[in-house]
C-alpha atoms as a PDB file:
ATOM      1  CA  ASP A   1     -10.859   4.961 -13.123  1.00  0.00           C
ATOM      2  CA  ASP A   2     -10.852   2.808 -10.213  1.00  0.00           C
ATOM      3  CA  ALA A   3      -7.225   3.028  -9.475  1.00  0.00           C
ATOM      4  CA  SER A   4      -7.728   6.611  -9.159  1.00  0.00           C
ATOM      5  CA  TYR A   5     -10.861   5.613  -6.508  1.00  0.00           C
ATOM      6  CA  VAL A   6      -8.697   3.960  -4.676  1.00  0.00           C
ATOM      7  CA  ALA A   7      -5.483   6.355  -3.959  1.00  0.00           C
ATOM      8  CA  VAL A   8      -7.498   8.702  -3.852  1.00  0.00           C
ATOM      9  CA  LEU A   9      -9.771   5.984  -0.625  1.00  0.00           C
ATOM     10  CA  SER A  10      -6.230   4.717   0.238  1.00  0.00           C
ATOM     11  CA  HIS A  11      -5.451   8.882   0.984  1.00  0.00           C
ATOM     12  CA  GLU A  12      -8.287   8.810   3.014  1.00  0.00           C
ATOM     13  CA  MET A  13      -7.503   6.483   5.191  1.00  0.00           C
ATOM     14  CA  THR A  14      -4.602   7.073   5.901  1.00  0.00           C
ATOM     15  CA  HIS A  15      -6.264  10.332   7.415  1.00  0.00           C
ATOM     16  CA  TRP A  16      -8.198   7.807   8.968  1.00  0.00           C
ATOM     17  CA  THR A  17      -5.279   5.933  10.815  1.00  0.00           C
ATOM     18  CA  SER A  18      -5.108   9.492  12.889  1.00  0.00           C
ATOM     19  CA  ALA A  19      -7.590   8.911  15.274  1.00  0.00           C
ATOM     20  CA  PRO A  20      -6.731   7.909  19.253  1.00  0.00           C
ATOM     21  CA  ARG A  21      -6.861   4.213  18.525  1.00  0.00           C
ATOM     22  CA  ARG A  22      -5.036   4.235  15.858  1.00  0.00           C
ATOM     23  CA  LEU A  23      -1.988   6.447  15.629  1.00  0.00           C
ATOM     24  CA  ASP A  24      -2.718   8.816  17.716  1.00  0.00           C
ATOM     25  CA  ARG A  25      -1.177  11.642  15.951  1.00  0.00           C
ATOM     26  CA  ASP A  26      -2.023  15.250  16.538  1.00  0.00           C
ATOM     27  CA  LEU A  27      -4.196  17.278  14.560  1.00  0.00           C
ATOM     28  CA  SER A  28      -5.641  19.511  16.877  1.00  0.00           C
ATOM     29  CA  ARG A  29      -3.072  22.293  14.440  1.00  0.00           C
ATOM     30  CA  TYR A  30      -4.272  20.516  11.120  1.00  0.00           C
ATOM     31  CA  ALA A  31      -6.503  23.869  10.530  1.00  0.00           C
ATOM     32  CA  LYS A  32      -5.558  26.614  11.943  1.00  0.00           C
ATOM     33  CA  ASP A  33      -1.295  25.664  11.153  1.00  0.00           C
ATOM     34  CA  ARG A  34      -0.482  25.132   7.454  1.00  0.00           C
ATOM     35  CA  SER A  35       3.192  23.442   7.486  1.00  0.00           C
ATOM     36  CA  GLU A  36       1.266  20.903  10.159  1.00  0.00           C
ATOM     37  CA  ARG A  37      -1.626  20.207   7.650  1.00  0.00           C
ATOM     38  CA  ALA A  38       1.120  20.071   4.707  1.00  0.00           C
ATOM     39  CA  ARG A  39       2.846  17.680   7.366  1.00  0.00           C
ATOM     40  CA  GLU A  40      -0.070  15.614   7.200  1.00  0.00           C
ATOM     41  CA  GLU A  41      -1.148  15.402   3.752  1.00  0.00           C
ATOM     42  CA  LEU A  42       2.096  14.422   2.893  1.00  0.00           C
ATOM     43  CA  ILE A  43       1.396  11.330   5.360  1.00  0.00           C
ATOM     44  CA  ALA A  44      -1.285  10.710   4.016  1.00  0.00           C
ATOM     45  CA  GLU A  45      -0.530  11.270   0.207  1.00  0.00           C
ATOM     46  CA  LEU A  46       2.749   9.087   1.065  1.00  0.00           C
ATOM     47  CA  GLY A  47       0.593   6.400   2.410  1.00  0.00           C
ATOM     48  CA  SER A  48      -1.653   6.099  -0.379  1.00  0.00           C
ATOM     49  CA  ALA A  49       1.536   6.014  -3.000  1.00  0.00           C
ATOM     50  CA  PHE A  50       2.620   2.976  -0.545  1.00  0.00           C
ATOM     51  CA  LEU A  51       0.002   1.202  -0.836  1.00  0.00           C
ATOM     52  CA  CYS A  52      -1.241   1.230  -4.274  1.00  0.00           C
ATOM     53  CA  ALA A  53       2.221   0.321  -4.858  1.00  0.00           C
ATOM     54  CA  ASP A  54       1.349  -3.220  -2.396  1.00  0.00           C
ATOM     55  CA  LEU A  55      -1.573  -3.964  -4.463  1.00  0.00           C
ATOM     56  CA  GLY A  56      -0.279  -3.628  -7.583  1.00  0.00           C
ATOM     57  CA  ILE A  57      -2.348  -1.105  -9.182  1.00  0.00           C
ATOM     58  CA  VAL A  58       1.126   1.349 -10.099  1.00  0.00           C
ATOM     59  CA  PRO A  59       4.824  -0.350 -10.843  1.00  0.00           C
ATOM     60  CA  GLU A  60       6.458   0.059  -7.778  1.00  0.00           C
ATOM     61  CA  LEU A  61       8.793   2.855  -9.616  1.00  0.00           C
ATOM     62  CA  GLU A  62       6.539   4.736 -11.370  1.00  0.00           C
ATOM     63  CA  PRO A  63       4.653   6.530  -9.237  1.00  0.00           C
ATOM     64  CA  ARG A  64       1.028   7.808 -10.121  1.00  0.00           C
ATOM     65  CA  PRO A  65       1.819  11.524 -11.697  1.00  0.00           C
ATOM     66  CA  ASP A  66      -1.182  12.836  -9.639  1.00  0.00           C
ATOM     67  CA  HIS A  67       1.079  11.394  -6.453  1.00  0.00           C
ATOM     68  CA  ALA A  68       3.653  13.915  -7.822  1.00  0.00           C
ATOM     69  CA  ARG A  69       1.903  16.581  -8.106  1.00  0.00           C
ATOM     70  CA  TYR A  70       0.544  16.929  -4.300  1.00  0.00           C
ATOM     71  CA  LEU A  71       3.163  15.931  -3.158  1.00  0.00           C
ATOM     72  CA  ASP A  72       5.226  18.873  -4.483  1.00  0.00           C
ATOM     73  CA  SER A  73       2.605  21.506  -3.223  1.00  0.00           C
ATOM     74  CA  TRP A  74       3.263  20.774   0.290  1.00  0.00           C
ATOM     75  CA  LEU A  75       7.014  19.784  -0.156  1.00  0.00           C
ATOM     76  CA  LYS A  76       6.740  23.242  -1.131  1.00  0.00           C
ATOM     77  CA  VAL A  77       4.914  24.354   2.006  1.00  0.00           C
ATOM     78  CA  LEU A  78       7.424  23.556   3.873  1.00  0.00           C
ATOM     79  CA  GLY A  79      10.067  24.614   2.092  1.00  0.00           C
ATOM     80  CA  ASN A  80       8.988  27.751   3.065  1.00  0.00           C
ATOM     81  CA  ASP A  81       8.704  27.175   6.591  1.00  0.00           C
ATOM     82  CA  LYS A  82      11.316  28.258   8.410  1.00  0.00           C
END
């Protein structure tokens, strides 16, 4: 549906902000280090959740279930990273 499309698009656009000419997040270890990937995916998914809320795609206090599940999956990775 349209809301899901915007949620995925805003997630990918948040990744796009990592470029050196934008926010310059270092993603050199993204493919090799699971905890680094988890951090970047959390950034992207939180960015998507905030953008969707700001655009009125979902009520601010009731996040999309897919946002919550995705965030939870990566938080578990970070939680296991000592």
